[in-house]
N, C-alpha and C. Protein backbone atom coordinates (compact mmCIF):
# COMPACT_ATOMS: atom_id res chain seq x y z
N UNK A 1 -39.27 60.35 60.22
CA UNK A 1 -38.42 61.48 60.61
C UNK A 1 -39.12 62.80 60.30
N UNK A 2 -39.94 62.84 59.24
CA UNK A 2 -40.60 64.08 58.87
C UNK A 2 -41.63 64.49 59.93
N UNK A 3 -42.21 63.50 60.65
CA UNK A 3 -43.16 63.83 61.71
C UNK A 3 -42.46 64.40 62.93
N UNK A 4 -41.19 64.04 63.14
CA UNK A 4 -40.46 64.52 64.31
C UNK A 4 -39.86 65.90 64.11
N UNK A 5 -39.79 66.36 62.89
CA UNK A 5 -39.18 67.67 62.64
C UNK A 5 -39.95 68.81 63.31
N UNK A 6 -41.28 68.89 63.18
CA UNK A 6 -41.99 69.98 63.89
C UNK A 6 -41.86 69.88 65.41
N UNK A 7 -41.84 68.64 65.93
CA UNK A 7 -41.69 68.47 67.38
C UNK A 7 -40.32 68.96 67.83
N UNK A 8 -39.31 68.63 67.02
CA UNK A 8 -37.96 69.08 67.35
C UNK A 8 -37.85 70.60 67.23
N UNK A 9 -38.50 71.17 66.22
CA UNK A 9 -38.48 72.62 66.06
C UNK A 9 -39.19 73.32 67.21
N UNK A 10 -40.31 72.74 67.66
CA UNK A 10 -41.01 73.31 68.81
C UNK A 10 -40.16 73.24 70.07
N UNK A 11 -39.40 72.16 70.22
CA UNK A 11 -38.50 72.03 71.37
C UNK A 11 -37.43 73.12 71.34
N UNK A 12 -36.89 73.40 70.17
CA UNK A 12 -35.87 74.45 70.06
C UNK A 12 -36.47 75.83 70.31
N UNK A 13 -37.72 76.05 69.87
CA UNK A 13 -38.35 77.34 70.11
C UNK A 13 -38.60 77.57 71.61
N UNK A 14 -38.96 76.51 72.30
CA UNK A 14 -39.21 76.65 73.74
C UNK A 14 -37.93 76.98 74.51
N UNK A 15 -36.80 76.43 74.07
CA UNK A 15 -35.53 76.66 74.76
C UNK A 15 -34.75 77.84 74.17
N UNK A 16 -35.33 78.50 73.21
CA UNK A 16 -34.64 79.65 72.62
C UNK A 16 -34.64 80.85 73.57
N UNK A 17 -35.70 81.00 74.32
CA UNK A 17 -35.84 82.06 75.32
C UNK A 17 -35.77 83.46 74.70
N UNK A 18 -36.30 83.58 73.47
CA UNK A 18 -36.36 84.88 72.83
C UNK A 18 -35.04 85.44 72.37
N UNK A 19 -33.99 84.66 72.37
CA UNK A 19 -32.66 85.11 71.96
C UNK A 19 -32.41 84.74 70.50
N UNK A 20 -31.57 85.48 69.78
CA UNK A 20 -31.26 85.13 68.39
C UNK A 20 -30.44 83.85 68.27
N UNK A 21 -29.77 83.49 69.34
CA UNK A 21 -28.97 82.26 69.33
C UNK A 21 -29.48 81.32 70.41
N UNK A 22 -29.28 80.04 70.19
CA UNK A 22 -29.69 79.05 71.18
C UNK A 22 -28.73 79.06 72.36
N UNK A 23 -29.22 78.84 73.56
CA UNK A 23 -28.32 78.73 74.71
C UNK A 23 -27.39 77.54 74.57
N UNK A 24 -26.41 77.51 75.36
CA UNK A 24 -25.40 76.46 75.31
C UNK A 24 -26.02 75.11 75.69
N UNK A 25 -25.60 74.07 74.99
CA UNK A 25 -25.97 72.67 75.24
C UNK A 25 -27.42 72.36 74.88
N UNK A 26 -28.15 73.28 74.25
CA UNK A 26 -29.53 72.97 73.84
C UNK A 26 -29.53 71.98 72.67
N UNK A 27 -28.63 72.17 71.73
CA UNK A 27 -28.56 71.26 70.58
C UNK A 27 -28.19 69.85 71.02
N UNK A 28 -27.23 69.74 71.94
CA UNK A 28 -26.84 68.42 72.45
C UNK A 28 -27.99 67.77 73.21
N UNK A 29 -28.74 68.57 73.99
CA UNK A 29 -29.87 68.02 74.73
C UNK A 29 -30.98 67.55 73.78
N UNK A 30 -31.22 68.31 72.70
CA UNK A 30 -32.23 67.90 71.72
C UNK A 30 -31.81 66.63 70.99
N UNK A 31 -30.53 66.52 70.66
CA UNK A 31 -30.04 65.31 69.99
C UNK A 31 -30.19 64.10 70.89
N UNK A 32 -29.93 64.28 72.19
CA UNK A 32 -30.07 63.17 73.13
C UNK A 32 -31.54 62.81 73.35
N UNK A 33 -32.42 63.80 73.34
CA UNK A 33 -33.84 63.55 73.58
C UNK A 33 -34.49 62.81 72.41
N UNK A 34 -34.17 63.21 71.18
CA UNK A 34 -34.81 62.62 70.00
C UNK A 34 -33.97 61.51 69.38
N UNK A 35 -32.85 61.15 69.98
CA UNK A 35 -32.01 60.05 69.52
C UNK A 35 -31.54 60.26 68.08
N UNK A 36 -31.03 61.45 67.81
CA UNK A 36 -30.47 61.77 66.49
C UNK A 36 -29.10 62.39 66.69
N UNK A 37 -28.38 62.56 65.58
CA UNK A 37 -27.07 63.20 65.66
C UNK A 37 -27.25 64.70 65.85
N UNK A 38 -26.29 65.31 66.51
CA UNK A 38 -26.39 66.74 66.77
C UNK A 38 -26.35 67.55 65.48
N UNK A 39 -25.74 67.01 64.43
CA UNK A 39 -25.74 67.71 63.14
C UNK A 39 -27.16 67.82 62.57
N UNK A 40 -27.98 66.82 62.86
CA UNK A 40 -29.37 66.89 62.40
C UNK A 40 -30.11 68.04 63.07
N UNK A 41 -29.90 68.20 64.37
CA UNK A 41 -30.54 69.30 65.09
C UNK A 41 -30.00 70.64 64.60
N UNK A 42 -28.70 70.69 64.34
CA UNK A 42 -28.11 71.94 63.84
C UNK A 42 -28.66 72.30 62.47
N UNK A 43 -28.90 71.31 61.62
CA UNK A 43 -29.45 71.58 60.29
C UNK A 43 -30.88 72.12 60.40
N UNK A 44 -31.67 71.55 61.31
CA UNK A 44 -33.04 72.05 61.50
C UNK A 44 -33.02 73.48 62.04
N UNK A 45 -32.11 73.77 62.94
CA UNK A 45 -32.00 75.14 63.46
C UNK A 45 -31.55 76.11 62.38
N UNK A 46 -30.70 75.64 61.48
CA UNK A 46 -30.27 76.52 60.38
C UNK A 46 -31.43 76.83 59.43
N UNK A 47 -32.42 75.92 59.32
CA UNK A 47 -33.62 76.21 58.53
C UNK A 47 -34.51 77.22 59.25
N UNK A 48 -34.55 77.14 60.57
CA UNK A 48 -35.44 77.98 61.35
C UNK A 48 -34.91 79.40 61.53
N UNK A 49 -33.61 79.55 61.68
CA UNK A 49 -33.04 80.84 62.08
C UNK A 49 -33.34 81.97 61.09
N UNK A 50 -33.16 81.79 59.76
CA UNK A 50 -33.48 82.90 58.86
C UNK A 50 -34.94 83.33 58.91
N UNK A 51 -35.84 82.35 59.11
CA UNK A 51 -37.26 82.68 59.17
C UNK A 51 -37.58 83.43 60.46
N UNK A 52 -36.93 83.01 61.56
CA UNK A 52 -37.15 83.70 62.83
C UNK A 52 -36.58 85.12 62.79
N UNK A 53 -35.44 85.28 62.13
CA UNK A 53 -34.84 86.61 62.05
C UNK A 53 -35.70 87.57 61.22
N UNK A 54 -36.45 87.01 60.26
CA UNK A 54 -37.31 87.87 59.44
C UNK A 54 -38.61 88.22 60.12
N UNK A 55 -38.86 87.64 61.31
CA UNK A 55 -40.08 87.96 62.05
C UNK A 55 -41.31 87.23 61.59
N UNK A 56 -41.14 86.07 60.95
CA UNK A 56 -42.30 85.31 60.47
C UNK A 56 -42.99 84.61 61.63
N UNK A 57 -44.20 84.13 61.36
CA UNK A 57 -44.99 83.45 62.38
C UNK A 57 -44.47 82.04 62.63
N UNK A 58 -45.03 81.41 63.66
CA UNK A 58 -44.60 80.05 64.01
C UNK A 58 -45.00 79.04 62.95
N UNK A 59 -46.14 79.25 62.30
CA UNK A 59 -46.57 78.32 61.24
C UNK A 59 -45.59 78.31 60.08
N UNK A 60 -45.09 79.48 59.74
CA UNK A 60 -44.10 79.55 58.65
C UNK A 60 -42.82 78.84 59.06
N UNK A 61 -42.44 78.95 60.31
CA UNK A 61 -41.24 78.27 60.79
C UNK A 61 -41.42 76.76 60.72
N UNK A 62 -42.59 76.27 61.11
CA UNK A 62 -42.84 74.83 61.09
C UNK A 62 -42.84 74.28 59.66
N UNK A 63 -43.38 75.05 58.73
CA UNK A 63 -43.35 74.60 57.33
C UNK A 63 -41.93 74.61 56.77
N UNK A 64 -41.10 75.48 57.30
CA UNK A 64 -39.74 75.59 56.80
C UNK A 64 -38.90 74.38 57.15
N UNK A 65 -39.18 73.74 58.28
CA UNK A 65 -38.35 72.62 58.73
C UNK A 65 -38.78 71.30 58.11
N UNK A 66 -39.91 71.27 57.42
CA UNK A 66 -40.36 70.03 56.80
C UNK A 66 -39.44 69.65 55.65
N UNK A 67 -39.46 68.37 55.31
CA UNK A 67 -38.59 67.87 54.25
C UNK A 67 -38.94 68.52 52.92
N UNK A 68 -37.93 68.86 52.15
CA UNK A 68 -38.12 69.49 50.85
C UNK A 68 -38.27 68.48 49.72
N UNK A 69 -38.14 67.20 50.04
CA UNK A 69 -38.22 66.16 49.01
C UNK A 69 -39.57 65.46 48.98
N UNK A 70 -40.53 65.93 49.77
CA UNK A 70 -41.82 65.25 49.80
C UNK A 70 -42.53 65.39 48.46
N UNK A 71 -42.94 64.26 47.90
CA UNK A 71 -43.64 64.26 46.63
C UNK A 71 -42.76 64.50 45.42
N UNK A 72 -41.47 64.67 45.62
CA UNK A 72 -40.57 64.95 44.50
C UNK A 72 -39.32 64.08 44.60
N UNK A 73 -39.46 62.88 45.13
CA UNK A 73 -38.32 61.99 45.28
C UNK A 73 -38.69 60.62 44.75
N UNK A 74 -37.68 59.86 44.42
CA UNK A 74 -37.91 58.53 43.89
C UNK A 74 -38.08 58.54 42.38
N UNK A 75 -38.12 57.35 41.84
CA UNK A 75 -38.26 57.20 40.40
C UNK A 75 -39.68 57.53 39.95
N UNK A 76 -39.79 58.28 38.88
CA UNK A 76 -41.10 58.66 38.35
C UNK A 76 -41.71 57.47 37.60
N UNK A 77 -43.01 57.33 37.73
CA UNK A 77 -43.71 56.24 37.07
C UNK A 77 -43.78 56.48 35.57
N UNK A 78 -43.62 55.41 34.83
CA UNK A 78 -43.65 55.49 33.38
C UNK A 78 -45.09 55.44 32.88
N UNK A 79 -45.34 56.19 31.83
CA UNK A 79 -46.69 56.28 31.27
C UNK A 79 -46.86 55.19 30.22
N UNK A 80 -47.81 54.27 30.46
CA UNK A 80 -48.10 53.19 29.52
C UNK A 80 -49.49 53.37 28.89
N UNK A 81 -50.00 54.58 28.88
CA UNK A 81 -51.34 54.80 28.33
C UNK A 81 -51.40 54.50 26.84
N UNK A 82 -50.38 54.93 26.11
CA UNK A 82 -50.36 54.69 24.66
C UNK A 82 -50.24 53.21 24.36
N UNK A 83 -49.41 52.50 25.13
CA UNK A 83 -49.24 51.06 24.91
C UNK A 83 -50.53 50.31 25.21
N UNK A 84 -51.25 50.71 26.25
CA UNK A 84 -52.50 50.04 26.57
C UNK A 84 -53.58 50.34 25.54
N UNK A 85 -53.53 51.50 24.93
CA UNK A 85 -54.48 51.80 23.86
C UNK A 85 -54.19 50.94 22.63
N UNK A 86 -52.91 50.63 22.39
CA UNK A 86 -52.56 49.79 21.25
C UNK A 86 -53.04 48.37 21.44
N UNK A 87 -53.19 47.93 22.69
CA UNK A 87 -53.63 46.56 22.95
C UNK A 87 -55.02 46.33 22.35
N UNK A 88 -55.89 47.31 22.46
CA UNK A 88 -57.25 47.16 21.94
C UNK A 88 -57.29 47.10 20.43
N UNK A 89 -56.25 47.60 19.76
CA UNK A 89 -56.24 47.65 18.31
C UNK A 89 -55.52 46.46 17.68
N UNK A 90 -54.90 45.61 18.49
CA UNK A 90 -54.16 44.48 17.94
C UNK A 90 -55.11 43.39 17.50
N UNK A 91 -54.73 42.62 16.46
CA UNK A 91 -55.57 41.49 16.05
C UNK A 91 -55.52 40.37 17.09
N UNK A 92 -56.42 39.42 16.93
CA UNK A 92 -56.56 38.37 17.93
C UNK A 92 -55.33 37.47 18.00
N UNK A 93 -54.67 37.23 16.87
CA UNK A 93 -53.52 36.33 16.88
C UNK A 93 -52.33 36.92 17.63
N UNK A 94 -52.32 38.23 17.86
CA UNK A 94 -51.25 38.85 18.65
C UNK A 94 -51.65 39.07 20.10
N UNK A 95 -52.86 38.62 20.47
CA UNK A 95 -53.32 38.76 21.85
C UNK A 95 -53.60 37.41 22.49
N UNK A 96 -53.14 36.34 21.86
CA UNK A 96 -53.43 35.01 22.39
C UNK A 96 -52.55 34.66 23.59
N UNK A 97 -51.35 35.18 23.64
CA UNK A 97 -50.44 34.88 24.75
C UNK A 97 -49.78 36.16 25.21
N UNK A 98 -49.28 36.11 26.43
CA UNK A 98 -48.62 37.28 26.99
C UNK A 98 -47.32 37.58 26.27
N UNK A 99 -46.63 36.54 25.81
CA UNK A 99 -45.38 36.75 25.09
C UNK A 99 -45.61 37.47 23.76
N UNK A 100 -46.63 37.04 23.03
CA UNK A 100 -46.93 37.69 21.75
C UNK A 100 -47.42 39.12 21.96
N UNK A 101 -48.22 39.33 22.98
CA UNK A 101 -48.72 40.68 23.26
C UNK A 101 -47.61 41.61 23.69
N UNK A 102 -46.68 41.10 24.49
CA UNK A 102 -45.55 41.92 24.93
C UNK A 102 -44.66 42.31 23.76
N UNK A 103 -44.45 41.37 22.83
CA UNK A 103 -43.63 41.67 21.66
C UNK A 103 -44.31 42.67 20.74
N UNK A 104 -45.62 42.60 20.62
CA UNK A 104 -46.34 43.51 19.72
C UNK A 104 -46.44 44.92 20.29
N UNK A 105 -46.62 45.02 21.60
CA UNK A 105 -46.80 46.34 22.22
C UNK A 105 -45.47 46.98 22.57
N UNK A 106 -44.45 46.16 22.88
CA UNK A 106 -43.16 46.71 23.27
C UNK A 106 -43.05 47.02 24.75
N UNK A 107 -43.82 46.30 25.58
CA UNK A 107 -43.80 46.48 27.04
C UNK A 107 -43.34 45.16 27.65
N UNK A 108 -42.48 45.19 28.68
CA UNK A 108 -42.05 43.94 29.32
C UNK A 108 -43.24 43.12 29.81
N UNK A 109 -43.06 41.80 29.79
CA UNK A 109 -44.17 40.92 30.15
C UNK A 109 -44.64 41.13 31.59
N UNK A 110 -43.70 41.29 32.52
CA UNK A 110 -44.09 41.48 33.92
C UNK A 110 -44.87 42.78 34.11
N UNK A 111 -44.41 43.83 33.44
CA UNK A 111 -45.13 45.11 33.54
C UNK A 111 -46.49 45.02 32.88
N UNK A 112 -46.54 44.36 31.72
CA UNK A 112 -47.81 44.23 31.02
C UNK A 112 -48.81 43.39 31.82
N UNK A 113 -48.32 42.35 32.45
CA UNK A 113 -49.21 41.51 33.27
C UNK A 113 -49.75 42.29 34.46
N UNK A 114 -48.91 43.10 35.07
CA UNK A 114 -49.36 43.89 36.22
C UNK A 114 -50.41 44.92 35.79
N UNK A 115 -50.25 45.49 34.61
CA UNK A 115 -51.23 46.47 34.13
C UNK A 115 -52.55 45.82 33.75
N UNK A 116 -52.48 44.63 33.18
CA UNK A 116 -53.70 43.97 32.73
C UNK A 116 -54.45 43.29 33.87
N UNK A 117 -53.76 42.97 34.95
CA UNK A 117 -54.44 42.34 36.08
C UNK A 117 -55.35 43.31 36.82
N UNK A 118 -55.05 44.59 36.73
CA UNK A 118 -55.88 45.59 37.39
C UNK A 118 -57.05 45.95 36.50
N UNK A 119 -58.21 46.08 37.10
CA UNK A 119 -59.39 46.50 36.32
C UNK A 119 -59.25 47.93 35.84
N UNK A 120 -58.58 48.74 36.66
CA UNK A 120 -58.33 50.13 36.29
C UNK A 120 -56.88 50.43 36.61
N UNK A 121 -56.20 51.09 35.70
CA UNK A 121 -54.82 51.44 35.94
C UNK A 121 -54.73 52.51 37.00
N UNK A 122 -53.64 52.48 37.78
CA UNK A 122 -53.46 53.42 38.88
C UNK A 122 -52.57 54.59 38.50
N UNK A 123 -52.13 54.65 37.25
CA UNK A 123 -51.28 55.76 36.84
C UNK A 123 -52.08 57.06 36.82
N UNK A 124 -51.40 58.15 37.11
CA UNK A 124 -52.06 59.45 37.11
C UNK A 124 -52.52 59.83 35.70
N UNK A 125 -51.72 59.44 34.72
CA UNK A 125 -52.10 59.78 33.35
C UNK A 125 -53.34 59.02 32.93
N UNK A 126 -53.46 57.78 33.39
CA UNK A 126 -54.64 57.00 33.04
C UNK A 126 -55.87 57.51 33.76
N UNK A 127 -55.70 57.94 35.01
CA UNK A 127 -56.84 58.48 35.73
C UNK A 127 -57.30 59.79 35.12
N UNK A 128 -56.35 60.58 34.61
CA UNK A 128 -56.72 61.83 33.96
C UNK A 128 -57.45 61.56 32.65
N UNK A 129 -57.13 60.44 32.02
CA UNK A 129 -57.79 60.09 30.76
C UNK A 129 -59.12 59.39 30.97
N UNK A 130 -59.54 59.24 32.23
CA UNK A 130 -60.85 58.64 32.49
C UNK A 130 -60.76 57.23 32.99
N UNK A 131 -59.66 56.89 33.68
CA UNK A 131 -59.50 55.55 34.25
C UNK A 131 -59.70 54.49 33.17
N UNK A 132 -58.71 54.31 32.35
CA UNK A 132 -58.77 53.38 31.24
C UNK A 132 -59.06 51.97 31.75
N UNK A 133 -60.15 51.39 31.31
CA UNK A 133 -60.55 50.07 31.77
C UNK A 133 -60.13 49.04 30.74
N UNK A 134 -59.54 47.94 31.24
CA UNK A 134 -59.12 46.85 30.37
C UNK A 134 -60.20 45.77 30.41
N UNK A 135 -60.83 45.50 29.29
CA UNK A 135 -61.88 44.50 29.24
C UNK A 135 -61.27 43.11 29.28
N UNK A 136 -62.11 42.13 29.62
CA UNK A 136 -61.61 40.77 29.79
C UNK A 136 -61.19 40.16 28.47
N UNK A 137 -61.76 40.59 27.35
CA UNK A 137 -61.38 40.00 26.08
C UNK A 137 -60.00 40.42 25.62
N UNK A 138 -59.41 41.42 26.28
CA UNK A 138 -58.07 41.86 25.93
C UNK A 138 -57.02 41.09 26.70
N UNK A 139 -57.38 40.60 27.89
CA UNK A 139 -56.39 39.95 28.74
C UNK A 139 -55.96 38.62 28.13
N UNK A 140 -54.66 38.42 27.89
CA UNK A 140 -54.21 37.18 27.29
C UNK A 140 -53.95 36.13 28.36
N UNK A 141 -53.83 34.89 27.90
CA UNK A 141 -53.43 33.83 28.82
C UNK A 141 -51.91 33.80 28.94
N UNK A 142 -51.43 33.30 30.06
CA UNK A 142 -49.99 33.23 30.31
C UNK A 142 -49.49 31.92 29.74
N UNK A 143 -48.71 31.99 28.69
CA UNK A 143 -48.21 30.78 28.05
C UNK A 143 -46.71 30.88 27.89
N UNK A 144 -45.99 29.94 28.45
CA UNK A 144 -44.56 29.83 28.24
C UNK A 144 -44.17 28.37 28.23
N UNK A 145 -42.86 28.10 28.17
CA UNK A 145 -42.40 26.72 28.06
C UNK A 145 -42.63 25.97 29.35
N UNK A 146 -42.44 26.63 30.48
CA UNK A 146 -42.52 25.95 31.76
C UNK A 146 -43.97 25.65 32.13
N UNK A 147 -44.86 26.59 31.94
CA UNK A 147 -46.26 26.42 32.31
C UNK A 147 -47.15 26.70 31.10
N UNK A 148 -47.38 25.71 30.24
CA UNK A 148 -48.24 25.95 29.09
C UNK A 148 -49.68 26.19 29.52
N UNK A 149 -50.35 27.01 28.76
CA UNK A 149 -51.74 27.35 29.08
C UNK A 149 -52.66 26.27 28.53
N UNK A 150 -52.66 25.11 29.16
CA UNK A 150 -53.48 23.98 28.74
C UNK A 150 -54.49 23.66 29.83
N UNK A 151 -55.71 23.40 29.42
CA UNK A 151 -56.71 22.96 30.38
C UNK A 151 -56.58 21.46 30.60
N UNK A 152 -57.33 20.94 31.55
CA UNK A 152 -57.28 19.50 31.81
C UNK A 152 -57.79 18.70 30.61
N UNK A 153 -58.75 19.25 29.91
CA UNK A 153 -59.26 18.57 28.72
C UNK A 153 -58.19 18.52 27.64
N UNK A 154 -57.44 19.62 27.44
CA UNK A 154 -56.36 19.61 26.45
C UNK A 154 -55.28 18.61 26.81
N UNK A 155 -54.96 18.51 28.08
CA UNK A 155 -53.93 17.57 28.51
C UNK A 155 -54.36 16.13 28.27
N UNK A 156 -55.63 15.82 28.56
CA UNK A 156 -56.12 14.46 28.31
C UNK A 156 -56.11 14.14 26.83
N UNK A 157 -56.48 15.11 26.00
CA UNK A 157 -56.47 14.87 24.56
C UNK A 157 -55.06 14.64 24.04
N UNK A 158 -54.08 15.35 24.58
CA UNK A 158 -52.70 15.14 24.15
C UNK A 158 -52.19 13.77 24.57
N UNK A 159 -52.53 13.36 25.78
CA UNK A 159 -52.09 12.03 26.24
C UNK A 159 -52.75 10.94 25.41
N UNK A 160 -54.03 11.08 25.12
CA UNK A 160 -54.71 10.08 24.29
C UNK A 160 -54.14 10.04 22.88
N UNK A 161 -53.76 11.19 22.34
CA UNK A 161 -53.17 11.22 21.00
C UNK A 161 -51.82 10.50 21.00
N UNK A 162 -51.01 10.74 22.03
CA UNK A 162 -49.71 10.06 22.10
C UNK A 162 -49.88 8.56 22.29
N UNK A 163 -50.88 8.16 23.09
CA UNK A 163 -51.10 6.73 23.30
C UNK A 163 -51.60 6.04 22.03
N UNK A 164 -52.34 6.77 21.20
CA UNK A 164 -52.84 6.16 19.97
C UNK A 164 -51.73 5.89 18.96
N UNK A 165 -50.60 6.58 19.08
CA UNK A 165 -49.48 6.38 18.16
C UNK A 165 -48.53 5.29 18.62
N UNK A 166 -48.74 4.75 19.79
CA UNK A 166 -47.84 3.71 20.31
C UNK A 166 -48.27 2.34 19.83
N UNK A 167 -47.29 1.47 19.55
CA UNK A 167 -47.54 0.09 19.18
C UNK A 167 -47.37 -0.80 20.42
N UNK A 168 -48.21 -1.81 20.57
CA UNK A 168 -48.17 -2.58 21.83
C UNK A 168 -46.86 -3.34 22.04
N UNK A 169 -46.24 -3.87 20.97
CA UNK A 169 -45.03 -4.68 21.11
C UNK A 169 -43.82 -4.03 20.45
N UNK A 170 -43.82 -2.72 20.39
CA UNK A 170 -42.75 -2.05 19.66
C UNK A 170 -41.42 -2.22 20.37
N UNK A 171 -41.40 -2.15 21.68
CA UNK A 171 -40.13 -2.26 22.41
C UNK A 171 -39.59 -3.67 22.32
N UNK A 172 -40.46 -4.68 22.46
CA UNK A 172 -40.01 -6.08 22.39
C UNK A 172 -39.51 -6.42 21.00
N UNK A 173 -40.22 -5.96 19.97
CA UNK A 173 -39.81 -6.25 18.60
C UNK A 173 -38.45 -5.63 18.30
N UNK A 174 -38.21 -4.41 18.78
CA UNK A 174 -36.93 -3.76 18.51
C UNK A 174 -35.79 -4.51 19.18
N UNK A 175 -35.99 -4.92 20.42
CA UNK A 175 -34.93 -5.64 21.13
C UNK A 175 -34.67 -6.99 20.47
N UNK A 176 -35.75 -7.70 20.10
CA UNK A 176 -35.57 -9.02 19.48
C UNK A 176 -34.89 -8.89 18.13
N UNK A 177 -35.30 -7.94 17.33
CA UNK A 177 -34.70 -7.75 16.01
C UNK A 177 -33.24 -7.37 16.13
N UNK A 178 -32.92 -6.53 17.08
CA UNK A 178 -31.54 -6.10 17.24
C UNK A 178 -30.66 -7.26 17.67
N UNK A 179 -31.15 -8.06 18.61
CA UNK A 179 -30.34 -9.18 19.09
C UNK A 179 -30.11 -10.23 18.01
N UNK A 180 -31.10 -10.42 17.15
CA UNK A 180 -30.95 -11.42 16.10
C UNK A 180 -30.11 -10.89 14.95
N UNK A 181 -30.22 -9.62 14.65
CA UNK A 181 -29.56 -9.08 13.47
C UNK A 181 -28.08 -8.86 13.67
N UNK A 182 -27.64 -8.56 14.88
CA UNK A 182 -26.23 -8.23 15.09
C UNK A 182 -25.30 -9.40 14.77
N UNK A 183 -25.54 -10.62 15.26
CA UNK A 183 -24.62 -11.72 14.87
C UNK A 183 -24.65 -12.01 13.38
N UNK A 184 -25.84 -11.90 12.77
CA UNK A 184 -25.95 -12.18 11.34
C UNK A 184 -25.15 -11.16 10.53
N UNK A 185 -25.19 -9.92 10.92
CA UNK A 185 -24.43 -8.90 10.21
C UNK A 185 -22.94 -9.12 10.38
N UNK A 186 -22.53 -9.47 11.59
CA UNK A 186 -21.10 -9.72 11.82
C UNK A 186 -20.60 -10.92 11.02
N UNK A 187 -21.43 -11.97 10.94
CA UNK A 187 -21.02 -13.14 10.15
C UNK A 187 -20.94 -12.82 8.68
N UNK A 188 -21.85 -12.00 8.20
CA UNK A 188 -21.84 -11.63 6.78
C UNK A 188 -20.61 -10.80 6.45
N UNK A 189 -20.25 -9.87 7.33
CA UNK A 189 -19.10 -9.03 7.08
C UNK A 189 -17.80 -9.83 7.13
N UNK A 190 -17.72 -10.80 8.05
CA UNK A 190 -16.50 -11.62 8.13
C UNK A 190 -16.34 -12.53 6.93
N UNK A 191 -17.47 -12.96 6.34
CA UNK A 191 -17.40 -13.82 5.16
C UNK A 191 -16.98 -13.03 3.93
N UNK A 192 -17.38 -11.77 3.87
CA UNK A 192 -17.03 -10.96 2.72
C UNK A 192 -15.63 -10.37 2.81
N UNK A 193 -15.07 -10.28 3.96
CA UNK A 193 -13.77 -9.63 4.10
C UNK A 193 -12.68 -10.50 3.48
N UNK A 194 -11.86 -9.98 2.59
CA UNK A 194 -10.78 -10.77 1.96
C UNK A 194 -9.66 -11.05 2.95
N UNK A 195 -9.02 -12.17 2.75
CA UNK A 195 -7.90 -12.55 3.63
C UNK A 195 -6.62 -11.89 3.13
N UNK A 196 -5.91 -11.24 4.03
CA UNK A 196 -4.68 -10.54 3.68
C UNK A 196 -3.52 -11.29 4.31
N UNK A 197 -2.57 -11.80 3.51
CA UNK A 197 -1.43 -12.55 4.09
C UNK A 197 -0.52 -11.61 4.88
N UNK A 198 0.03 -12.14 5.98
CA UNK A 198 0.94 -11.38 6.83
C UNK A 198 2.36 -11.84 6.55
N UNK A 199 3.19 -10.91 6.20
CA UNK A 199 4.59 -11.23 5.87
C UNK A 199 5.46 -10.57 6.92
N UNK A 200 6.23 -11.36 7.59
CA UNK A 200 7.12 -10.83 8.61
C UNK A 200 8.56 -10.87 8.14
N UNK A 201 9.34 -9.91 8.51
CA UNK A 201 10.75 -9.82 8.14
C UNK A 201 11.58 -9.97 9.40
N UNK A 202 12.44 -10.94 9.37
CA UNK A 202 13.33 -11.17 10.52
C UNK A 202 14.64 -10.45 10.31
């Protein structure tokens, strides 16, 4: 829309015919030509009219109709320069995983990962400070419950360790012992239980 504003302003200047006011139906024709609401055309003309009345040049009029929010709209980027400087000063045990590093620095994990993945930060403050470069020894591995940071060698070692603790007949022995022990326990309990006479009253 910002590119169409000068074109729309030029269209209004051409149909102004040197008069302080626009001729009848020019605003409606401009709205139909540029496929916008007539209030949009009226707002652009309201920006142009004071400048034209003051006798300014056409370039000043064109600058007047441009959007006033350019470069000053949207959420401002947060400065993480201090947090990234603290990363270099942390001990190794606090830089082993992204979770530990995020807790030590005080920056969300997703934001910290995005900053560390870039070789150079894109923030204006970082560029002013000389494009702070993150070395590879600072970048932590991503470790969480769902995706542990294990290599294939670590996984094989864990499987071999678990297999070394297994007994070959442990499942069969447990089932056999359980099946044999249950009747024996029941018989022992029934033999020890004292007999209680039942007395009924009619």
